[in-house]
Amino acid sequence: MISIDILVTQLSGLRRPDLERWISNDWVRPDGRPGSYLFRDIDVARVRLIQELHDEMMVNDEALPIVLSLLDQLYDQRRRMRELTDALRRTVPEELRQLVARHLGNYDYPSQS
């Protein structure tokens, strides 16, 4: 975990007032409280994402929560699909998995290792 001061110095172009605004908008959720925030790796990745969306892709503050929400939904669905795939791999016979894969459009279902 790193402090807000370290994070601001590590990320080129990141301004503390912007980061504090992102926190107050609940776009980033570090541990701690104002003046003593601690950022986990996932928080740092989120800050980088917001910085890229804002600075490089020119997503404005009005659109940013919508874009972040859509990305959060996408990442959540990917996680759930991985969990489903893992559950199928553990519980469903190979022949049935391959049959389902064929019905999904020739998707090559990873075999159990």
PDB file of N, CA and C in Angstrom:
ATOM      1  N   MET A   1       0.847  -1.181   0.000  1.00  0.00           N
ATOM      2  CA  MET A   1       0.000   0.000   0.000  1.00  0.00           C
ATOM      3  C   MET A   1       0.888   1.238   0.000  1.00  0.00           C
ATOM      4  N   ILE A   2       0.417   2.245  -0.708  1.00  0.00           N
ATOM      5  CA  ILE A   2       1.201   3.479  -0.769  1.00  0.00           C
ATOM      6  C   ILE A   2       0.326   4.673  -0.415  1.00  0.00           C
ATOM      7  N   SER A   3       0.984   5.734   0.014  1.00  0.00           N
ATOM      8  CA  SER A   3       0.276   6.948   0.407  1.00  0.00           C
ATOM      9  C   SER A   3      -0.064   7.785  -0.820  1.00  0.00           C
ATOM     10  N   ILE A   4      -0.923   8.756  -0.609  1.00  0.00           N
ATOM     11  CA  ILE A   4      -1.322   9.647  -1.695  1.00  0.00           C
ATOM     12  C   ILE A   4      -0.119  10.431  -2.214  1.00  0.00           C
ATOM     13  N   ASP A   5       0.783  10.828  -1.318  1.00  0.00           N
ATOM     14  CA  ASP A   5       1.968  11.587  -1.735  1.00  0.00           C
ATOM     15  C   ASP A   5       2.853  10.761  -2.662  1.00  0.00           C
ATOM     16  N   ILE A   6       3.062   9.505  -2.309  1.00  0.00           N
ATOM     17  CA  ILE A   6       3.893   8.631  -3.140  1.00  0.00           C
ATOM     18  C   ILE A   6       3.214   8.387  -4.480  1.00  0.00           C
ATOM     19  N   LEU A   7       1.902   8.153  -4.459  1.00  0.00           N
ATOM     20  CA  LEU A   7       1.176   7.902  -5.698  1.00  0.00           C
ATOM     21  C   LEU A   7       1.274   9.089  -6.650  1.00  0.00           C
ATOM     22  N   VAL A   8       1.107  10.282  -6.127  1.00  0.00           N
ATOM     23  CA  VAL A   8       1.174  11.477  -6.967  1.00  0.00           C
ATOM     24  C   VAL A   8       2.558  11.645  -7.578  1.00  0.00           C
ATOM     25  N   THR A   9       3.594  11.286  -6.828  1.00  0.00           N
ATOM     26  CA  THR A   9       4.953  11.415  -7.384  1.00  0.00           C
ATOM     27  C   THR A   9       5.277  10.295  -8.364  1.00  0.00           C
ATOM     28  N   GLN A  10       4.660   9.128  -8.196  1.00  0.00           N
ATOM     29  CA  GLN A  10       4.953   7.988  -9.075  1.00  0.00           C
ATOM     30  C   GLN A  10       4.271   8.086 -10.436  1.00  0.00           C
ATOM     31  N   LEU A  11       3.094   8.681 -10.495  1.00  0.00           N
ATOM     32  CA  LEU A  11       2.355   8.730 -11.753  1.00  0.00           C
ATOM     33  C   LEU A  11       2.543  10.081 -12.427  1.00  0.00           C
ATOM     34  N   SER A  12       3.238  10.051 -13.517  1.00  0.00           N
ATOM     35  CA  SER A  12       3.524  11.273 -14.267  1.00  0.00           C
ATOM     36  C   SER A  12       2.222  11.949 -14.704  1.00  0.00           C
ATOM     37  N   GLY A  13       2.131  13.222 -14.430  1.00  0.00           N
ATOM     38  CA  GLY A  13       0.979  14.001 -14.854  1.00  0.00           C
ATOM     39  C   GLY A  13      -0.194  13.965 -13.896  1.00  0.00           C
ATOM     40  N   LEU A  14      -0.107  13.146 -12.860  1.00  0.00           N
ATOM     41  CA  LEU A  14      -1.199  13.068 -11.893  1.00  0.00           C
ATOM     42  C   LEU A  14      -1.107  14.250 -10.936  1.00  0.00           C
ATOM     43  N   ARG A  15      -2.215  14.964 -10.809  1.00  0.00           N
ATOM     44  CA  ARG A  15      -2.258  16.104  -9.890  1.00  0.00           C
ATOM     45  C   ARG A  15      -3.088  15.736  -8.665  1.00  0.00           C
ATOM     46  N   ARG A  16      -2.585  16.111  -7.521  1.00  0.00           N
ATOM     47  CA  ARG A  16      -3.256  15.760  -6.260  1.00  0.00           C
ATOM     48  C   ARG A  16      -4.705  16.254  -6.220  1.00  0.00           C
ATOM     49  N   PRO A  17      -5.001  17.495  -6.641  1.00  0.00           N
ATOM     50  CA  PRO A  17      -6.409  17.935  -6.603  1.00  0.00           C
ATOM     51  C   PRO A  17      -7.329  17.058  -7.464  1.00  0.00           C
ATOM     52  N   ASP A  18      -6.803  16.601  -8.607  1.00  0.00           N
ATOM     53  CA  ASP A  18      -7.606  15.703  -9.451  1.00  0.00           C
ATOM     54  C   ASP A  18      -7.873  14.396  -8.715  1.00  0.00           C
ATOM     55  N   LEU A  19      -6.833  13.822  -8.132  1.00  0.00           N
ATOM     56  CA  LEU A  19      -6.966  12.562  -7.409  1.00  0.00           C
ATOM     57  C   LEU A  19      -7.940  12.714  -6.241  1.00  0.00           C
ATOM     58  N   GLU A  20      -7.836  13.792  -5.512  1.00  0.00           N
ATOM     59  CA  GLU A  20      -8.750  14.015  -4.388  1.00  0.00           C
ATOM     60  C   GLU A  20     -10.191  14.170  -4.869  1.00  0.00           C
ATOM     61  N   ARG A  21     -10.384  14.800  -6.032  1.00  0.00           N
ATOM     62  CA  ARG A  21     -11.719  14.925  -6.611  1.00  0.00           C
ATOM     63  C   ARG A  21     -12.252  13.553  -7.021  1.00  0.00           C
ATOM     64  N   TRP A  22     -11.390  12.713  -7.589  1.00  0.00           N
ATOM     65  CA  TRP A  22     -11.806  11.371  -7.995  1.00  0.00           C
ATOM     66  C   TRP A  22     -12.220  10.546  -6.771  1.00  0.00           C
ATOM     67  N   ILE A  23     -11.496  10.757  -5.674  1.00  0.00           N
ATOM     68  CA  ILE A  23     -11.847  10.059  -4.430  1.00  0.00           C
ATOM     69  C   ILE A  23     -13.193  10.581  -3.908  1.00  0.00           C
ATOM     70  N   SER A  24     -13.369  11.900  -3.896  1.00  0.00           N
ATOM     71  CA  SER A  24     -14.627  12.456  -3.380  1.00  0.00           C
ATOM     72  C   SER A  24     -15.808  12.081  -4.278  1.00  0.00           C
ATOM     73  N   ASN A  25     -15.551  11.869  -5.561  1.00  0.00           N
ATOM     74  CA  ASN A  25     -16.600  11.414  -6.486  1.00  0.00           C
ATOM     75  C   ASN A  25     -16.835   9.908  -6.371  1.00  0.00           C
ATOM     76  N   ASP A  26     -16.036   9.235  -5.538  1.00  0.00           N
ATOM     77  CA  ASP A  26     -16.145   7.792  -5.306  1.00  0.00           C
ATOM     78  C   ASP A  26     -15.742   6.972  -6.534  1.00  0.00           C
ATOM     79  N   TRP A  27     -14.889   7.528  -7.377  1.00  0.00           N
ATOM     80  CA  TRP A  27     -14.373   6.808  -8.538  1.00  0.00           C
ATOM     81  C   TRP A  27     -13.178   5.950  -8.145  1.00  0.00           C
ATOM     82  N   VAL A  28     -12.517   6.356  -7.065  1.00  0.00           N
ATOM     83  CA  VAL A  28     -11.394   5.604  -6.486  1.00  0.00           C
ATOM     84  C   VAL A  28     -11.710   5.472  -5.001  1.00  0.00           C
ATOM     85  N   ARG A  29     -11.468   4.298  -4.439  1.00  0.00           N
ATOM     86  CA  ARG A  29     -11.834   4.048  -3.036  1.00  0.00           C
ATOM     87  C   ARG A  29     -10.647   3.526  -2.236  1.00  0.00           C
ATOM     88  N   PRO A  30      -9.691   4.397  -1.933  1.00  0.00           N
ATOM     89  CA  PRO A  30      -8.549   3.929  -1.130  1.00  0.00           C
ATOM     90  C   PRO A  30      -8.973   3.700   0.315  1.00  0.00           C
ATOM     91  N   ASP A  31      -8.128   2.990   1.029  1.00  0.00           N
ATOM     92  CA  ASP A  31      -8.346   2.816   2.463  1.00  0.00           C
ATOM     93  C   ASP A  31      -7.971   4.109   3.172  1.00  0.00           C
ATOM     94  N   GLY A  32      -8.461   4.278   4.373  1.00  0.00           N
ATOM     95  CA  GLY A  32      -8.105   5.451   5.167  1.00  0.00           C
ATOM     96  C   GLY A  32      -9.125   6.568   5.047  1.00  0.00           C
ATOM     97  N   ARG A  33      -8.676   7.767   5.370  1.00  0.00           N
ATOM     98  CA  ARG A  33      -9.549   8.938   5.326  1.00  0.00           C
ATOM     99  C   ARG A  33      -8.749  10.124   4.807  1.00  0.00           C
ATOM    100  N   PRO A  34      -9.418  11.240   4.523  1.00  0.00           N
ATOM    101  CA  PRO A  34      -8.696  12.403   3.983  1.00  0.00           C
ATOM    102  C   PRO A  34      -7.438  12.719   4.793  1.00  0.00           C
ATOM    103  N   GLY A  35      -6.353  12.890   4.074  1.00  0.00           N
ATOM    104  CA  GLY A  35      -5.072  13.183   4.704  1.00  0.00           C
ATOM    105  C   GLY A  35      -4.245  11.951   4.995  1.00  0.00           C
ATOM    106  N   SER A  36      -4.878  10.784   5.014  1.00  0.00           N
ATOM    107  CA  SER A  36      -4.116   9.560   5.306  1.00  0.00           C
ATOM    108  C   SER A  36      -4.618   8.382   4.462  1.00  0.00           C
ATOM    109  N   TYR A  37      -4.873   8.647   3.194  1.00  0.00           N
ATOM    110  CA  TYR A  37      -5.301   7.574   2.300  1.00  0.00           C
ATOM    111  C   TYR A  37      -4.157   6.603   2.035  1.00  0.00           C
ATOM    112  N   LEU A  38      -4.519   5.329   1.887  1.00  0.00           N
ATOM    113  CA  LEU A  38      -3.571   4.303   1.481  1.00  0.00           C
ATOM    114  C   LEU A  38      -4.156   3.580   0.272  1.00  0.00           C
ATOM    115  N   PHE A  39      -3.342   3.463  -0.763  1.00  0.00           N
ATOM    116  CA  PHE A  39      -3.793   2.904  -2.033  1.00  0.00           C
ATOM    117  C   PHE A  39      -3.222   1.510  -2.226  1.00  0.00           C
ATOM    118  N   ARG A  40      -4.107   0.551  -2.485  1.00  0.00           N
ATOM    119  CA  ARG A  40      -3.707  -0.812  -2.833  1.00  0.00           C
ATOM    120  C   ARG A  40      -3.366  -0.844  -4.325  1.00  0.00           C
ATOM    121  N   ASP A  41      -2.829  -1.952  -4.785  1.00  0.00           N
ATOM    122  CA  ASP A  41      -2.492  -2.085  -6.204  1.00  0.00           C
ATOM    123  C   ASP A  41      -3.713  -1.867  -7.088  1.00  0.00           C
ATOM    124  N   ILE A  42      -4.865  -2.381  -6.670  1.00  0.00           N
ATOM    125  CA  ILE A  42      -6.086  -2.221  -7.456  1.00  0.00           C
ATOM    126  C   ILE A  42      -6.489  -0.755  -7.539  1.00  0.00           C
ATOM    127  N   ASP A  43      -6.251   0.006  -6.469  1.00  0.00           N
ATOM    128  CA  ASP A  43      -6.555   1.440  -6.475  1.00  0.00           C
ATOM    129  C   ASP A  43      -5.638   2.177  -7.437  1.00  0.00           C
ATOM    130  N   VAL A  44      -4.368   1.801  -7.426  1.00  0.00           N
ATOM    131  CA  VAL A  44      -3.397   2.429  -8.332  1.00  0.00           C
ATOM    132  C   VAL A  44      -3.783   2.145  -9.782  1.00  0.00           C
ATOM    133  N   ALA A  45      -4.192   0.914 -10.066  1.00  0.00           N
ATOM    134  CA  ALA A  45      -4.630   0.573 -11.426  1.00  0.00           C
ATOM    135  C   ALA A  45      -5.847   1.400 -11.806  1.00  0.00           C
ATOM    136  N   ARG A  46      -6.763   1.600 -10.878  1.00  0.00           N
ATOM    137  CA  ARG A  46      -7.958   2.409 -11.140  1.00  0.00           C
ATOM    138  C   ARG A  46      -7.575   3.855 -11.419  1.00  0.00           C
ATOM    139  N   VAL A  47      -6.650   4.391 -10.646  1.00  0.00           N
ATOM    140  CA  VAL A  47      -6.188   5.768 -10.871  1.00  0.00           C
ATOM    141  C   VAL A  47      -5.559   5.886 -12.258  1.00  0.00           C
ATOM    142  N   ARG A  48      -4.730   4.909 -12.638  1.00  0.00           N
ATOM    143  CA  ARG A  48      -4.123   4.921 -13.970  1.00  0.00           C
ATOM    144  C   ARG A  48      -5.187   4.892 -15.068  1.00  0.00           C
ATOM    145  N   LEU A  49      -6.203   4.064 -14.868  1.00  0.00           N
ATOM    146  CA  LEU A  49      -7.290   3.979 -15.832  1.00  0.00           C
ATOM    147  C   LEU A  49      -7.999   5.323 -15.965  1.00  0.00           C
ATOM    148  N   ILE A  50      -8.360   5.922 -14.848  1.00  0.00           N
ATOM    149  CA  ILE A  50      -9.049   7.219 -14.872  1.00  0.00           C
ATOM    150  C   ILE A  50      -8.172   8.272 -15.526  1.00  0.00           C
ATOM    151  N   GLN A  51      -6.902   8.259 -15.183  1.00  0.00           N
ATOM    152  CA  GLN A  51      -5.968   9.225 -15.762  1.00  0.00           C
ATOM    153  C   GLN A  51      -5.900   9.054 -17.283  1.00  0.00           C
ATOM    154  N   GLU A  52      -5.831   7.811 -17.744  1.00  0.00           N
ATOM    155  CA  GLU A  52      -5.776   7.550 -19.185  1.00  0.00           C
ATOM    156  C   GLU A  52      -7.079   7.966 -19.868  1.00  0.00           C
ATOM    157  N   LEU A  53      -8.201   7.610 -19.272  1.00  0.00           N
ATOM    158  CA  LEU A  53      -9.490   7.994 -19.855  1.00  0.00           C
ATOM    159  C   LEU A  53      -9.617   9.513 -19.936  1.00  0.00           C
ATOM    160  N   HIS A  54      -9.231  10.177 -18.866  1.00  0.00           N
ATOM    161  CA  HIS A  54      -9.376  11.632 -18.779  1.00  0.00           C
ATOM    162  C   HIS A  54      -8.368  12.364 -19.653  1.00  0.00           C
ATOM    163  N   ASP A  55      -7.103  12.028 -19.518  1.00  0.00           N
ATOM    164  CA  ASP A  55      -6.043  12.800 -20.178  1.00  0.00           C
ATOM    165  C   ASP A  55      -5.791  12.390 -21.618  1.00  0.00           C
ATOM    166  N   GLU A  56      -5.791  11.095 -21.886  1.00  0.00           N
ATOM    167  CA  GLU A  56      -5.439  10.625 -23.224  1.00  0.00           C
ATOM    168  C   GLU A  56      -6.657  10.439 -24.123  1.00  0.00           C
ATOM    169  N   MET A  57      -7.760   9.993 -23.542  1.00  0.00           N
ATOM    170  CA  MET A  57      -8.947   9.727 -24.349  1.00  0.00           C
ATOM    171  C   MET A  57      -9.961  10.863 -24.270  1.00  0.00           C
ATOM    172  N   MET A  58      -9.634  11.862 -23.474  1.00  0.00           N
ATOM    173  CA  MET A  58     -10.440  13.077 -23.353  1.00  0.00           C
ATOM    174  C   MET A  58     -11.878  12.818 -22.885  1.00  0.00           C
ATOM    175  N   VAL A  59     -12.051  11.843 -21.988  1.00  0.00           N
ATOM    176  CA  VAL A  59     -13.363  11.583 -21.393  1.00  0.00           C
ATOM    177  C   VAL A  59     -13.559  12.621 -20.300  1.00  0.00           C
ATOM    178  N   ASN A  60     -14.628  13.416 -20.415  1.00  0.00           N
ATOM    179  CA  ASN A  60     -14.827  14.491 -19.440  1.00  0.00           C
ATOM    180  C   ASN A  60     -15.437  13.967 -18.147  1.00  0.00           C
ATOM    181  N   ASP A  61     -15.477  14.825 -17.139  1.00  0.00           N
ATOM    182  CA  ASP A  61     -15.939  14.417 -15.813  1.00  0.00           C
ATOM    183  C   ASP A  61     -17.408  13.994 -15.803  1.00  0.00           C
ATOM    184  N   GLU A  62     -18.206  14.491 -16.732  1.00  0.00           N
ATOM    185  CA  GLU A  62     -19.610  14.087 -16.788  1.00  0.00           C
ATOM    186  C   GLU A  62     -19.753  12.672 -17.343  1.00  0.00           C
ATOM    187  N   ALA A  63     -18.918  12.309 -18.313  1.00  0.00           N
ATOM    188  CA  ALA A  63     -19.001  10.988 -18.938  1.00  0.00           C
ATOM    189  C   ALA A  63     -18.215   9.935 -18.165  1.00  0.00           C
ATOM    190  N   LEU A  64     -17.232  10.367 -17.401  1.00  0.00           N
ATOM    191  CA  LEU A  64     -16.351   9.414 -16.717  1.00  0.00           C
ATOM    192  C   LEU A  64     -17.085   8.411 -15.825  1.00  0.00           C
ATOM    193  N   PRO A  65     -18.062   8.817 -15.009  1.00  0.00           N
ATOM    194  CA  PRO A  65     -18.732   7.805 -14.184  1.00  0.00           C
ATOM    195  C   PRO A  65     -19.483   6.761 -15.015  1.00  0.00           C
ATOM    196  N   ILE A  66     -19.993   7.160 -16.161  1.00  0.00           N
ATOM    197  CA  ILE A  66     -20.693   6.216 -17.036  1.00  0.00           C
ATOM    198  C   ILE A  66     -19.703   5.219 -17.618  1.00  0.00           C
ATOM    199  N   VAL A  67     -18.579   5.717 -18.108  1.00  0.00           N
ATOM    200  CA  VAL A  67     -17.549   4.853 -18.680  1.00  0.00           C
ATOM    201  C   VAL A  67     -17.006   3.904 -17.613  1.00  0.00           C
ATOM    202  N   LEU A  68     -16.742   4.424 -16.430  1.00  0.00           N
ATOM    203  CA  LEU A  68     -16.234   3.578 -15.345  1.00  0.00           C
ATOM    204  C   LEU A  68     -17.248   2.513 -14.956  1.00  0.00           C
ATOM    205  N   SER A  69     -18.517   2.886 -14.891  1.00  0.00           N
ATOM    206  CA  SER A  69     -19.555   1.911 -14.565  1.00  0.00           C
ATOM    207  C   SER A  69     -19.625   0.808 -15.611  1.00  0.00           C
ATOM    208  N   LEU A  70     -19.559   1.175 -16.881  1.00  0.00           N
ATOM    209  CA  LEU A  70     -19.588   0.169 -17.945  1.00  0.00           C
ATOM    210  C   LEU A  70     -18.367  -0.742 -17.879  1.00  0.00           C
ATOM    211  N   LEU A  71     -17.199  -0.168 -17.628  1.00  0.00           N
ATOM    212  CA  LEU A  71     -15.988  -0.983 -17.498  1.00  0.00           C
ATOM    213  C   LEU A  71     -16.081  -1.908 -16.282  1.00  0.00           C
ATOM    214  N   ASP A  72     -16.613  -1.395 -15.171  1.00  0.00           N
ATOM    215  CA  ASP A  72     -16.787  -2.226 -13.977  1.00  0.00           C
ATOM    216  C   ASP A  72     -17.707  -3.408 -14.277  1.00  0.00           C
ATOM    217  N   GLN A  73     -18.785  -3.144 -15.010  1.00  0.00           N
ATOM    218  CA  GLN A  73     -19.712  -4.212 -15.377  1.00  0.00           C
ATOM    219  C   GLN A  73     -19.027  -5.245 -16.273  1.00  0.00           C
ATOM    220  N   LEU A  74     -18.236  -4.761 -17.226  1.00  0.00           N
ATOM    221  CA  LEU A  74     -17.518  -5.662 -18.119  1.00  0.00           C
ATOM    222  C   LEU A  74     -16.545  -6.543 -17.340  1.00  0.00           C
ATOM    223  N   TYR A  75     -15.756  -5.936 -16.462  1.00  0.00           N
ATOM    224  CA  TYR A  75     -14.802  -6.704 -15.665  1.00  0.00           C
ATOM    225  C   TYR A  75     -15.513  -7.704 -14.763  1.00  0.00           C
ATOM    226  N   ASP A  76     -16.669  -7.310 -14.197  1.00  0.00           N
ATOM    227  CA  ASP A  76     -17.424  -8.217 -13.348  1.00  0.00           C
ATOM    228  C   ASP A  76     -17.944  -9.403 -14.155  1.00  0.00           C
ATOM    229  N   GLN A  77     -18.434  -9.147 -15.352  1.00  0.00           N
ATOM    230  CA  GLN A  77     -18.924 -10.246 -16.188  1.00  0.00           C
ATOM    231  C   GLN A  77     -17.788 -11.179 -16.603  1.00  0.00           C
ATOM    232  N   ARG A  78     -16.627 -10.622 -16.900  1.00  0.00           N
ATOM    233  CA  ARG A  78     -15.472 -11.463 -17.220  1.00  0.00           C
ATOM    234  C   ARG A  78     -15.104 -12.358 -16.047  1.00  0.00           C
ATOM    235  N   ARG A  79     -15.116 -11.790 -14.843  1.00  0.00           N
ATOM    236  CA  ARG A  79     -14.808 -12.566 -13.641  1.00  0.00           C
ATOM    237  C   ARG A  79     -15.833 -13.676 -13.464  1.00  0.00           C
ATOM    238  N   ARG A  80     -17.092 -13.348 -13.644  1.00  0.00           N
ATOM    239  CA  ARG A  80     -18.154 -14.353 -13.482  1.00  0.00           C
ATOM    240  C   ARG A  80     -18.049 -15.443 -14.545  1.00  0.00           C
ATOM    241  N   MET A  81     -17.676 -15.072 -15.760  1.00  0.00           N
ATOM    242  CA  MET A  81     -17.501 -16.070 -16.818  1.00  0.00           C
ATOM    243  C   MET A  81     -16.333 -16.998 -16.492  1.00  0.00           C
ATOM    244  N   ARG A  82     -15.242 -16.450 -15.949  1.00  0.00           N
ATOM    245  CA  ARG A  82     -14.119 -17.298 -15.535  1.00  0.00           C
ATOM    246  C   ARG A  82     -14.558 -18.272 -14.443  1.00  0.00           C
ATOM    247  N   GLU A  83     -15.346 -17.776 -13.477  1.00  0.00           N
ATOM    248  CA  GLU A  83     -15.844 -18.643 -12.410  1.00  0.00           C
ATOM    249  C   GLU A  83     -16.736 -19.741 -12.977  1.00  0.00           C
ATOM    250  N   LEU A  84     -17.605 -19.378 -13.924  1.00  0.00           N
ATOM    251  CA  LEU A  84     -18.480 -20.365 -14.553  1.00  0.00           C
ATOM    252  C   LEU A  84     -17.666 -21.394 -15.324  1.00  0.00           C
ATOM    253  N   THR A  85     -16.692 -20.932 -16.087  1.00  0.00           N
ATOM    254  CA  THR A  85     -15.831 -21.832 -16.850  1.00  0.00           C
ATOM    255  C   THR A  85     -15.094 -22.784 -15.908  1.00  0.00           C
ATOM    256  N   ASP A  86     -14.566 -22.255 -14.823  1.00  0.00           N
ATOM    257  CA  ASP A  86     -13.863 -23.104 -13.852  1.00  0.00           C
ATOM    258  C   ASP A  86     -14.811 -24.121 -13.220  1.00  0.00           C
ATOM    259  N   ALA A  87     -16.022 -23.686 -12.889  1.00  0.00           N
ATOM    260  CA  ALA A  87     -16.997 -24.608 -12.291  1.00  0.00           C
ATOM    261  C   ALA A  87     -17.368 -25.703 -13.279  1.00  0.00           C
ATOM    262  N   LEU A  88     -17.569 -25.343 -14.538  1.00  0.00           N
ATOM    263  CA  LEU A  88     -17.880 -26.350 -15.554  1.00  0.00           C
ATOM    264  C   LEU A  88     -16.716 -27.317 -15.734  1.00  0.00           C
ATOM    265  N   ARG A  89     -15.524 -26.788 -15.733  1.00  0.00           N
ATOM    266  CA  ARG A  89     -14.338 -27.630 -15.902  1.00  0.00           C
ATOM    267  C   ARG A  89     -14.228 -28.652 -14.764  1.00  0.00           C
ATOM    268  N   ARG A  90     -14.605 -28.231 -13.562  1.00  0.00           N
ATOM    269  CA  ARG A  90     -14.506 -29.118 -12.394  1.00  0.00           C
ATOM    270  C   ARG A  90     -15.656 -30.117 -12.303  1.00  0.00           C
ATOM    271  N   THR A  91     -16.828 -29.782 -12.850  1.00  0.00           N
ATOM    272  CA  THR A  91     -18.014 -30.591 -12.553  1.00  0.00           C
ATOM    273  C   THR A  91     -18.667 -31.277 -13.744  1.00  0.00           C
ATOM    274  N   VAL A  92     -18.389 -30.831 -14.946  1.00  0.00           N
ATOM    275  CA  VAL A  92     -19.087 -31.368 -16.117  1.00  0.00           C
ATOM    276  C   VAL A  92     -18.129 -32.253 -16.914  1.00  0.00           C
ATOM    277  N   PRO A  93     -18.607 -33.425 -17.343  1.00  0.00           N
ATOM    278  CA  PRO A  93     -17.750 -34.308 -18.145  1.00  0.00           C
ATOM    279  C   PRO A  93     -17.274 -33.626 -19.436  1.00  0.00           C
ATOM    280  N   GLU A  94     -16.080 -33.992 -19.850  1.00  0.00           N
ATOM    281  CA  GLU A  94     -15.446 -33.406 -21.033  1.00  0.00           C
ATOM    282  C   GLU A  94     -16.356 -33.470 -22.265  1.00  0.00           C
ATOM    283  N   GLU A  95     -16.991 -34.599 -22.479  1.00  0.00           N
ATOM    284  CA  GLU A  95     -17.841 -34.753 -23.670  1.00  0.00           C
ATOM    285  C   GLU A  95     -18.971 -33.724 -23.681  1.00  0.00           C
ATOM    286  N   LEU A  96     -19.580 -33.492 -22.551  1.00  0.00           N
ATOM    287  CA  LEU A  96     -20.659 -32.519 -22.460  1.00  0.00           C
ATOM    288  C   LEU A  96     -20.131 -31.091 -22.643  1.00  0.00           C
ATOM    289  N   ARG A  97     -18.971 -30.811 -22.086  1.00  0.00           N
ATOM    290  CA  ARG A  97     -18.366 -29.482 -22.269  1.00  0.00           C
ATOM    291  C   ARG A  97     -18.106 -29.210 -23.741  1.00  0.00           C
ATOM    292  N   GLN A  98     -17.588 -30.205 -24.454  1.00  0.00           N
ATOM    293  CA  GLN A  98     -17.312 -30.023 -25.878  1.00  0.00           C
ATOM    294  C   GLN A  98     -18.602 -29.838 -26.668  1.00  0.00           C
ATOM    295  N   LEU A  99     -19.659 -30.543 -26.295  1.00  0.00           N
ATOM    296  CA  LEU A  99     -20.958 -30.392 -26.950  1.00  0.00           C
ATOM    297  C   LEU A  99     -21.495 -28.972 -26.751  1.00  0.00           C
ATOM    298  N   VAL A 100     -21.433 -28.482 -25.527  1.00  0.00           N
ATOM    299  CA  VAL A 100     -21.870 -27.107 -25.237  1.00  0.00           C
ATOM    300  C   VAL A 100     -21.019 -26.120 -26.026  1.00  0.00           C
ATOM    301  N   ALA A 101     -19.731 -26.346 -26.078  1.00  0.00           N
ATOM    302  CA  ALA A 101     -18.831 -25.453 -26.817  1.00  0.00           C
ATOM    303  C   ALA A 101     -19.216 -25.398 -28.290  1.00  0.00           C
ATOM    304  N   ARG A 102     -19.536 -26.536 -28.864  1.00  0.00           N
ATOM    305  CA  ARG A 102     -19.947 -26.551 -30.279  1.00  0.00           C
ATOM    306  C   ARG A 102     -21.214 -25.732 -30.486  1.00  0.00           C
ATOM    307  N   HIS A 103     -22.130 -25.802 -29.557  1.00  0.00           N
ATOM    308  CA  HIS A 103     -23.374 -25.045 -29.659  1.00  0.00           C
ATOM    309  C   HIS A 103     -23.153 -23.545 -29.430  1.00  0.00           C
ATOM    310  N   LEU A 104     -22.044 -23.211 -28.859  1.00  0.00           N
ATOM    311  CA  LEU A 104     -21.712 -21.796 -28.652  1.00  0.00           C
ATOM    312  C   LEU A 104     -20.966 -21.204 -29.842  1.00  0.00           C
ATOM    313  N   GLY A 105     -20.863 -21.944 -30.916  1.00  0.00           N
ATOM    314  CA  GLY A 105     -20.215 -21.402 -32.104  1.00  0.00           C
ATOM    315  C   GLY A 105     -18.793 -21.836 -32.278  1.00  0.00           C
ATOM    316  N   ASN A 106     -18.550 -23.121 -32.100  1.00  0.00           N
ATOM    317  CA  ASN A 106     -17.208 -23.688 -32.315  1.00  0.00           C
ATOM    318  C   ASN A 106     -16.165 -23.137 -31.358  1.00  0.00           C
ATOM    319  N   TYR A 107     -16.617 -22.683 -30.224  1.00  0.00           N
ATOM    320  CA  TYR A 107     -15.681 -22.240 -29.185  1.00  0.00           C
ATOM    321  C   TYR A 107     -14.890 -23.450 -28.709  1.00  0.00           C
ATOM    322  N   ASP A 108     -13.590 -23.322 -28.691  1.00  0.00           N
ATOM    323  CA  ASP A 108     -12.734 -24.422 -28.260  1.00  0.00           C
ATOM    324  C   ASP A 108     -12.600 -24.364 -26.735  1.00  0.00           C
ATOM    325  N   TYR A 109     -13.378 -25.169 -26.056  1.00  0.00           N
ATOM    326  CA  TYR A 109     -13.398 -25.173 -24.591  1.00  0.00           C
ATOM    327  C   TYR A 109     -12.106 -25.771 -24.073  1.00  0.00           C
ATOM    328  N   PRO A 110     -11.404 -25.058 -23.199  1.00  0.00           N
ATOM    329  CA  PRO A 110     -10.142 -25.602 -22.654  1.00  0.00           C
ATOM    330  C   PRO A 110     -10.384 -26.895 -21.904  1.00  0.00           C
ATOM    331  N   SER A 111      -9.611 -27.914 -22.191  1.00  0.00           N
ATOM    332  CA  SER A 111      -9.793 -29.182 -21.494  1.00  0.00           C
ATOM    333  C   SER A 111      -9.184 -29.120 -20.099  1.00  0.00           C
ATOM    334  N   GLN A 112      -9.646 -30.034 -19.286  1.00  0.00           N
ATOM    335  CA  GLN A 112      -9.179 -30.096 -17.900  1.00  0.00           C
ATOM    336  C   GLN A 112      -7.745 -30.571 -17.872  1.00  0.00           C
ATOM    337  N   SER A 113      -6.923 -29.860 -17.124  1.00  0.00           N
ATOM    338  CA  SER A 113      -5.508 -30.246 -17.035  1.00  0.00           C
ATOM    339  C   SER A 113      -5.208 -30.839 -15.693  1.00  0.00           C
TER     340      SER A 113
END
